[in-house]
């Protein structure tokens, strides 16, 4: 008996588990690509940004942020675009941009969490319905069923639990892995944002003579 035949033995619940597994794999691949692209060398990035700010080259700093195309660079760029409007507006712009970037990073994680929880439950549901069917067989045979009559029904019922756990356990592991990655990126964004805000506040007097306001969009 091959894997496909074993799958079919599990009944209709197996198709729901299969759908959950496909959905989980799609989210895992998508989040892996997004989080990998989001990773940058934050200390090196901030050294370059401070270099631009010391030279009062806001345009250069914004252009450099656009080249990086990472969440950290995006929030710094949004803050730099508002430098002319004052420290509070810069801080507000960075906070708003940070919320948007966090939302992008966490996109799909709720689906992965749902898959990790619902796949084992679907498996247990399939097992329960299979066991009900096995006991109905006993009733139909008026208690004269032999072990072989029950063994087939029982192992077929347990297939759904096995497949549900096979889907749910990896999904939960990847969910926690991605969640930790997002938390790390959020921490880096907070450090970079605070660094830029503090630097611009300390050097606010040096920016008074800059008349051009950056209006570079995404």
C-alpha atoms as a PDB file:
ATOM      1  CA  UNK A   1       0.000   0.000   0.000  1.00  0.00           C
ATOM      2  CA  UNK A   2       1.495   3.324  -1.095  1.00  0.00           C
ATOM      3  CA  UNK A   3       1.153   6.732   0.526  1.00  0.00           C
ATOM      4  CA  UNK A   4      -1.698   7.818  -1.743  1.00  0.00           C
ATOM      5  CA  UNK A   5      -3.726   4.727  -0.899  1.00  0.00           C
ATOM      6  CA  UNK A   6      -3.111   5.331   2.799  1.00  0.00           C
ATOM      7  CA  UNK A   7      -4.237   8.942   2.284  1.00  0.00           C
ATOM      8  CA  UNK A   8      -7.498   7.789   0.690  1.00  0.00           C
ATOM      9  CA  UNK A   9      -8.125   5.413   3.580  1.00  0.00           C
ATOM     10  CA  UNK A  10      -8.330   8.415   5.895  1.00  0.00           C
ATOM     11  CA  UNK A  11     -11.564   9.610   4.344  1.00  0.00           C
ATOM     12  CA  UNK A  12     -12.842  13.094   3.499  1.00  0.00           C
ATOM     13  CA  UNK A  13     -11.131  14.743   6.494  1.00  0.00           C
ATOM     14  CA  UNK A  14      -7.776  14.039   4.826  1.00  0.00           C
ATOM     15  CA  UNK A  15      -8.619  16.479   2.051  1.00  0.00           C
ATOM     16  CA  UNK A  16      -9.160  19.260   4.562  1.00  0.00           C
ATOM     17  CA  UNK A  17      -5.818  18.415   6.156  1.00  0.00           C
ATOM     18  CA  UNK A  18      -4.192  18.460   2.710  1.00  0.00           C
ATOM     19  CA  UNK A  19      -5.657  21.897   2.009  1.00  0.00           C
ATOM     20  CA  UNK A  20      -4.320  23.161   5.351  1.00  0.00           C
ATOM     21  CA  UNK A  21      -0.868  21.776   4.532  1.00  0.00           C
ATOM     22  CA  UNK A  22      -0.779  23.476   1.117  1.00  0.00           C
ATOM     23  CA  UNK A  23      -1.870  26.753   2.681  1.00  0.00           C
ATOM     24  CA  UNK A  24       0.791  26.419   5.382  1.00  0.00           C
ATOM     25  CA  UNK A  25       3.566  25.676   2.874  1.00  0.00           C
ATOM     26  CA  UNK A  26       2.562  28.706   0.775  1.00  0.00           C
ATOM     27  CA  UNK A  27       2.750  30.999   3.814  1.00  0.00           C
ATOM     28  CA  UNK A  28       6.091  29.511   4.905  1.00  0.00           C
ATOM     29  CA  UNK A  29       7.689  30.097   1.500  1.00  0.00           C
ATOM     30  CA  UNK A  30       6.290  33.625   1.265  1.00  0.00           C
ATOM     31  CA  UNK A  31       7.407  34.643   4.783  1.00  0.00           C
ATOM     32  CA  UNK A  32      10.857  33.117   4.290  1.00  0.00           C
ATOM     33  CA  UNK A  33      11.440  35.185   1.160  1.00  0.00           C
ATOM     34  CA  UNK A  34      10.066  38.398   2.710  1.00  0.00           C
ATOM     35  CA  UNK A  35      12.008  38.109   5.969  1.00  0.00           C
ATOM     36  CA  UNK A  36      15.222  37.210   4.178  1.00  0.00           C
ATOM     37  CA  UNK A  37      14.968  40.318   2.001  1.00  0.00           C
ATOM     38  CA  UNK A  38      14.177  42.431   5.065  1.00  0.00           C
ATOM     39  CA  UNK A  39      17.441  41.551   6.787  1.00  0.00           C
ATOM     40  CA  UNK A  40      20.251  44.123   6.520  1.00  0.00           C
ATOM     41  CA  UNK A  41      23.379  45.086   8.417  1.00  0.00           C
ATOM     42  CA  UNK A  42      21.794  47.729  10.651  1.00  0.00           C
ATOM     43  CA  UNK A  43      25.027  49.069  12.260  1.00  0.00           C
ATOM     44  CA  UNK A  44      26.630  49.600   8.834  1.00  0.00           C
ATOM     45  CA  UNK A  45      23.423  51.154   7.538  1.00  0.00           C
ATOM     46  CA  UNK A  46      23.247  53.612  10.423  1.00  0.00           C
ATOM     47  CA  UNK A  47      26.904  54.590   9.967  1.00  0.00           C
ATOM     48  CA  UNK A  48      26.112  55.598   6.388  1.00  0.00           C
ATOM     49  CA  UNK A  49      22.976  57.474   7.444  1.00  0.00           C
ATOM     50  CA  UNK A  50      24.810  59.409  10.166  1.00  0.00           C
ATOM     51  CA  UNK A  51      27.474  60.258   7.616  1.00  0.00           C
ATOM     52  CA  UNK A  52      24.875  61.798   5.319  1.00  0.00           C
ATOM     53  CA  UNK A  53      23.251  63.687   8.198  1.00  0.00           C
ATOM     54  CA  UNK A  54      26.570  65.086   9.415  1.00  0.00           C
ATOM     55  CA  UNK A  55      27.111  66.486   5.932  1.00  0.00           C
ATOM     56  CA  UNK A  56      23.513  67.788   5.960  1.00  0.00           C
ATOM     57  CA  UNK A  57      22.882  65.719   2.832  1.00  0.00           C
ATOM     58  CA  UNK A  58      19.258  64.739   3.437  1.00  0.00           C
ATOM     59  CA  UNK A  59      18.688  63.953  -0.237  1.00  0.00           C
ATOM     60  CA  UNK A  60      21.619  61.567  -0.226  1.00  0.00           C
ATOM     61  CA  UNK A  61      20.328  59.852   2.920  1.00  0.00           C
ATOM     62  CA  UNK A  62      16.859  59.407   1.417  1.00  0.00           C
ATOM     63  CA  UNK A  63      18.320  58.053  -1.839  1.00  0.00           C
ATOM     64  CA  UNK A  64      20.457  55.608   0.108  1.00  0.00           C
ATOM     65  CA  UNK A  65      17.374  54.420   2.026  1.00  0.00           C
ATOM     66  CA  UNK A  66      15.537  53.827  -1.245  1.00  0.00           C
ATOM     67  CA  UNK A  67      18.411  51.696  -2.501  1.00  0.00           C
ATOM     68  CA  UNK A  68      18.316  49.441   0.566  1.00  0.00           C
ATOM     69  CA  UNK A  69      14.588  48.581   0.248  1.00  0.00           C
ATOM     70  CA  UNK A  70      14.244  47.110   3.739  1.00  0.00           C
ATOM     71  CA  UNK A  71      11.818  47.868   6.610  1.00  0.00           C
ATOM     72  CA  UNK A  72      14.541  49.691   8.554  1.00  0.00           C
ATOM     73  CA  UNK A  73      15.439  51.823   5.537  1.00  0.00           C
ATOM     74  CA  UNK A  74      11.767  52.549   4.813  1.00  0.00           C
ATOM     75  CA  UNK A  75      10.987  53.954   8.257  1.00  0.00           C
ATOM     76  CA  UNK A  76      14.160  56.038   8.301  1.00  0.00           C
ATOM     77  CA  UNK A  77      13.319  57.405   4.856  1.00  0.00           C
ATOM     78  CA  UNK A  78       9.789  58.335   5.923  1.00  0.00           C
ATOM     79  CA  UNK A  79      11.227  60.209   8.916  1.00  0.00           C
ATOM     80  CA  UNK A  80      13.854  62.041   6.847  1.00  0.00           C
ATOM     81  CA  UNK A  81      11.194  63.246   4.424  1.00  0.00           C
ATOM     82  CA  UNK A  82       9.571  65.167   7.308  1.00  0.00           C
ATOM     83  CA  UNK A  83      12.722  66.733   8.760  1.00  0.00           C
ATOM     84  CA  UNK A  84      11.638  70.232   7.679  1.00  0.00           C
ATOM     85  CA  UNK A  85       8.394  69.952   9.701  1.00  0.00           C
ATOM     86  CA  UNK A  86      10.112  69.509  13.045  1.00  0.00           C
ATOM     87  CA  UNK A  87      11.204  66.819  15.448  1.00  0.00           C
ATOM     88  CA  UNK A  88       7.676  65.758  16.435  1.00  0.00           C
ATOM     89  CA  UNK A  89       6.566  65.256  12.838  1.00  0.00           C
ATOM     90  CA  UNK A  90       9.682  63.205  12.157  1.00  0.00           C
ATOM     91  CA  UNK A  91       8.941  61.010  15.150  1.00  0.00           C
ATOM     92  CA  UNK A  92       5.288  60.644  14.148  1.00  0.00           C
ATOM     93  CA  UNK A  93       6.218  59.714  10.580  1.00  0.00           C
ATOM     94  CA  UNK A  94       8.649  57.072  11.805  1.00  0.00           C
ATOM     95  CA  UNK A  95       6.068  55.578  14.178  1.00  0.00           C
ATOM     96  CA  UNK A  96       3.432  55.393  11.434  1.00  0.00           C
ATOM     97  CA  UNK A  97       5.899  53.855   9.004  1.00  0.00           C
ATOM     98  CA  UNK A  98       6.984  51.386  11.674  1.00  0.00           C
ATOM     99  CA  UNK A  99       3.410  50.217  12.209  1.00  0.00           C
ATOM    100  CA  UNK A 100       2.979  49.675   8.486  1.00  0.00           C
ATOM    101  CA  UNK A 101       6.224  47.727   8.175  1.00  0.00           C
ATOM    102  CA  UNK A 102       5.384  45.507  11.149  1.00  0.00           C
ATOM    103  CA  UNK A 103       2.028  44.740   9.543  1.00  0.00           C
ATOM    104  CA  UNK A 104       3.789  43.716   6.332  1.00  0.00           C
ATOM    105  CA  UNK A 105       6.231  41.489   8.212  1.00  0.00           C
ATOM    106  CA  UNK A 106       3.466  39.766  10.192  1.00  0.00           C
ATOM    107  CA  UNK A 107       1.243  39.221   7.159  1.00  0.00           C
ATOM    108  CA  UNK A 108       0.229  35.582   6.899  1.00  0.00           C
ATOM    109  CA  UNK A 109       1.517  34.544  10.327  1.00  0.00           C
ATOM    110  CA  UNK A 110      -2.024  34.334  11.691  1.00  0.00           C
ATOM    111  CA  UNK A 111      -2.858  31.881   8.895  1.00  0.00           C
ATOM    112  CA  UNK A 112       0.177  29.773   9.801  1.00  0.00           C
ATOM    113  CA  UNK A 113      -0.868  29.802  13.458  1.00  0.00           C
ATOM    114  CA  UNK A 114      -4.361  28.691  12.449  1.00  0.00           C
ATOM    115  CA  UNK A 115      -2.963  25.833  10.359  1.00  0.00           C
ATOM    116  CA  UNK A 116      -0.775  24.684  13.260  1.00  0.00           C
ATOM    117  CA  UNK A 117      -3.833  24.545  15.506  1.00  0.00           C
ATOM    118  CA  UNK A 118      -6.526  23.293  13.180  1.00  0.00           C
ATOM    119  CA  UNK A 119      -4.624  20.498  11.402  1.00  0.00           C
ATOM    120  CA  UNK A 120      -4.252  18.316  14.539  1.00  0.00           C
ATOM    121  CA  UNK A 121      -7.869  19.038  15.463  1.00  0.00           C
ATOM    122  CA  UNK A 122      -9.006  17.891  12.034  1.00  0.00           C
ATOM    123  CA  UNK A 123      -6.938  14.778  12.567  1.00  0.00           C
ATOM    124  CA  UNK A 124      -8.605  14.095  15.897  1.00  0.00           C
ATOM    125  CA  UNK A 125     -12.007  14.698  14.313  1.00  0.00           C
ATOM    126  CA  UNK A 126     -11.241  12.130  11.640  1.00  0.00           C
ATOM    127  CA  UNK A 127     -10.146   9.648  14.291  1.00  0.00           C
ATOM    128  CA  UNK A 128     -13.311  10.174  16.333  1.00  0.00           C
ATOM    129  CA  UNK A 129     -15.560   9.699  13.324  1.00  0.00           C
ATOM    130  CA  UNK A 130     -13.555   6.596  12.361  1.00  0.00           C
ATOM    131  CA  UNK A 131     -13.914   5.132  15.820  1.00  0.00           C
ATOM    132  CA  UNK A 132     -17.645   5.803  15.708  1.00  0.00           C
ATOM    133  CA  UNK A 133     -17.772   3.866  12.444  1.00  0.00           C
ATOM    134  CA  UNK A 134     -15.791   1.004  14.041  1.00  0.00           C
ATOM    135  CA  UNK A 135     -18.220   0.747  16.946  1.00  0.00           C
ATOM    136  CA  UNK A 136     -21.149   0.862  14.551  1.00  0.00           C
ATOM    137  CA  UNK A 137     -19.592  -2.160  12.863  1.00  0.00           C
ATOM    138  CA  UNK A 138     -19.525  -3.957  16.214  1.00  0.00           C
ATOM    139  CA  UNK A 139     -23.194  -3.153  16.679  1.00  0.00           C
ATOM    140  CA  UNK A 140     -24.067  -4.398  13.199  1.00  0.00           C
ATOM    141  CA  UNK A 141     -22.253  -7.660  13.925  1.00  0.00           C
ATOM    142  CA  UNK A 142     -24.117  -7.902  17.237  1.00  0.00           C
ATOM    143  CA  UNK A 143     -20.924  -8.058  19.271  1.00  0.00           C
ATOM    144  CA  UNK A 144     -19.512 -11.037  17.393  1.00  0.00           C
ATOM    145  CA  UNK A 145     -16.828  -9.010  15.595  1.00  0.00           C
ATOM    146  CA  UNK A 146     -13.343 -10.486  15.704  1.00  0.00           C
ATOM    147  CA  UNK A 147     -10.154  -8.393  16.188  1.00  0.00           C
ATOM    148  CA  UNK A 148      -9.442  -8.340  12.468  1.00  0.00           C
ATOM    149  CA  UNK A 149     -12.808  -6.726  11.798  1.00  0.00           C
ATOM    150  CA  UNK A 150     -11.923  -3.862  14.136  1.00  0.00           C
ATOM    151  CA  UNK A 151      -8.219  -3.507  13.427  1.00  0.00           C
ATOM    152  CA  UNK A 152      -8.754  -2.177   9.905  1.00  0.00           C
ATOM    153  CA  UNK A 153     -11.264   0.427  10.981  1.00  0.00           C
ATOM    154  CA  UNK A 154      -9.159   1.572  13.907  1.00  0.00           C
ATOM    155  CA  UNK A 155      -5.901   2.057  12.012  1.00  0.00           C
ATOM    156  CA  UNK A 156      -7.751   3.845   9.229  1.00  0.00           C
ATOM    157  CA  UNK A 157      -9.240   6.162  11.844  1.00  0.00           C
ATOM    158  CA  UNK A 158      -5.806   6.900  13.321  1.00  0.00           C
ATOM    159  CA  UNK A 159      -4.401   7.911   9.927  1.00  0.00           C
ATOM    160  CA  UNK A 160      -6.034  11.329  10.146  1.00  0.00           C
ATOM    161  CA  UNK A 161      -4.471  12.025  13.535  1.00  0.00           C
ATOM    162  CA  UNK A 162      -1.028  11.093  12.209  1.00  0.00           C
ATOM    163  CA  UNK A 163      -1.370  13.317   9.145  1.00  0.00           C
ATOM    164  CA  UNK A 164      -2.843  16.155  11.178  1.00  0.00           C
ATOM    165  CA  UNK A 165       0.139  16.098  13.529  1.00  0.00           C
ATOM    166  CA  UNK A 166       2.546  15.873  10.576  1.00  0.00           C
ATOM    167  CA  UNK A 167       1.088  19.130   9.275  1.00  0.00           C
ATOM    168  CA  UNK A 168       0.518  20.906  12.584  1.00  0.00           C
ATOM    169  CA  UNK A 169       3.917  20.353  14.226  1.00  0.00           C
ATOM    170  CA  UNK A 170       6.049  21.852  11.404  1.00  0.00           C
ATOM    171  CA  UNK A 171       3.557  24.694  11.004  1.00  0.00           C
ATOM    172  CA  UNK A 172       3.866  25.566  14.689  1.00  0.00           C
ATOM    173  CA  UNK A 173       7.663  25.371  14.524  1.00  0.00           C
ATOM    174  CA  UNK A 174       7.838  27.705  11.524  1.00  0.00           C
ATOM    175  CA  UNK A 175       5.326  30.077  13.122  1.00  0.00           C
ATOM    176  CA  UNK A 176       7.503  30.478  16.217  1.00  0.00           C
ATOM    177  CA  UNK A 177      10.618  30.812  14.046  1.00  0.00           C
ATOM    178  CA  UNK A 178       9.103  33.577  11.922  1.00  0.00           C
ATOM    179  CA  UNK A 179       7.658  35.296  14.991  1.00  0.00           C
ATOM    180  CA  UNK A 180      11.125  35.491  16.540  1.00  0.00           C
ATOM    181  CA  UNK A 181      12.527  36.833  13.272  1.00  0.00           C
ATOM    182  CA  UNK A 182       9.859  39.544  13.169  1.00  0.00           C
ATOM    183  CA  UNK A 183      10.557  40.505  16.792  1.00  0.00           C
ATOM    184  CA  UNK A 184      14.239  40.825  15.985  1.00  0.00           C
ATOM    185  CA  UNK A 185      13.513  43.024  12.968  1.00  0.00           C
ATOM    186  CA  UNK A 186      11.140  45.167  15.015  1.00  0.00           C
ATOM    187  CA  UNK A 187      13.885  45.640  17.591  1.00  0.00           C
ATOM    188  CA  UNK A 188      16.303  46.723  14.865  1.00  0.00           C
ATOM    189  CA  UNK A 189      13.730  49.167  13.502  1.00  0.00           C
ATOM    190  CA  UNK A 190      13.234  50.695  16.941  1.00  0.00           C
ATOM    191  CA  UNK A 191      16.983  51.101  17.435  1.00  0.00           C
ATOM    192  CA  UNK A 192      17.428  52.710  14.021  1.00  0.00           C
ATOM    193  CA  UNK A 193      14.409  54.982  14.490  1.00  0.00           C
ATOM    194  CA  UNK A 194      15.541  56.178  17.920  1.00  0.00           C
ATOM    195  CA  UNK A 195      19.054  56.741  16.606  1.00  0.00           C
ATOM    196  CA  UNK A 196      17.829  58.930  13.748  1.00  0.00           C
ATOM    197  CA  UNK A 197      15.391  60.883  15.907  1.00  0.00           C
ATOM    198  CA  UNK A 198      18.007  61.517  18.591  1.00  0.00           C
ATOM    199  CA  UNK A 199      20.647  62.516  16.056  1.00  0.00           C
ATOM    200  CA  UNK A 200      18.316  64.932  14.268  1.00  0.00           C
ATOM    201  CA  UNK A 201      17.141  66.404  17.570  1.00  0.00           C
ATOM    202  CA  UNK A 202      20.707  66.958  18.777  1.00  0.00           C
ATOM    203  CA  UNK A 203      21.678  68.452  15.436  1.00  0.00           C
ATOM    204  CA  UNK A 204      18.453  70.358  14.765  1.00  0.00           C
ATOM    205  CA  UNK A 205      20.242  73.681  14.636  1.00  0.00           C
ATOM    206  CA  UNK A 206      22.470  72.507  11.810  1.00  0.00           C
ATOM    207  CA  UNK A 207      19.459  71.696   9.642  1.00  0.00           C
ATOM    208  CA  UNK A 208      17.861  75.141   9.844  1.00  0.00           C
ATOM    209  CA  UNK A 209      19.655  76.331   6.735  1.00  0.00           C
ATOM    210  CA  UNK A 210      18.435  73.468   4.590  1.00  0.00           C
ATOM    211  CA  UNK A 211      15.587  74.878   2.527  1.00  0.00           C
ATOM    212  CA  UNK A 212      14.783  72.011   0.260  1.00  0.00           C
ATOM    213  CA  UNK A 213      12.170  69.517   1.491  1.00  0.00           C
ATOM    214  CA  UNK A 214      12.444  65.983   0.314  1.00  0.00           C
ATOM    215  CA  UNK A 215       9.409  64.825  -1.622  1.00  0.00           C
ATOM    216  CA  UNK A 216      10.556  61.474  -2.944  1.00  0.00           C
ATOM    217  CA  UNK A 217       7.771  58.906  -2.951  1.00  0.00           C
ATOM    218  CA  UNK A 218       7.872  55.141  -2.992  1.00  0.00           C
END
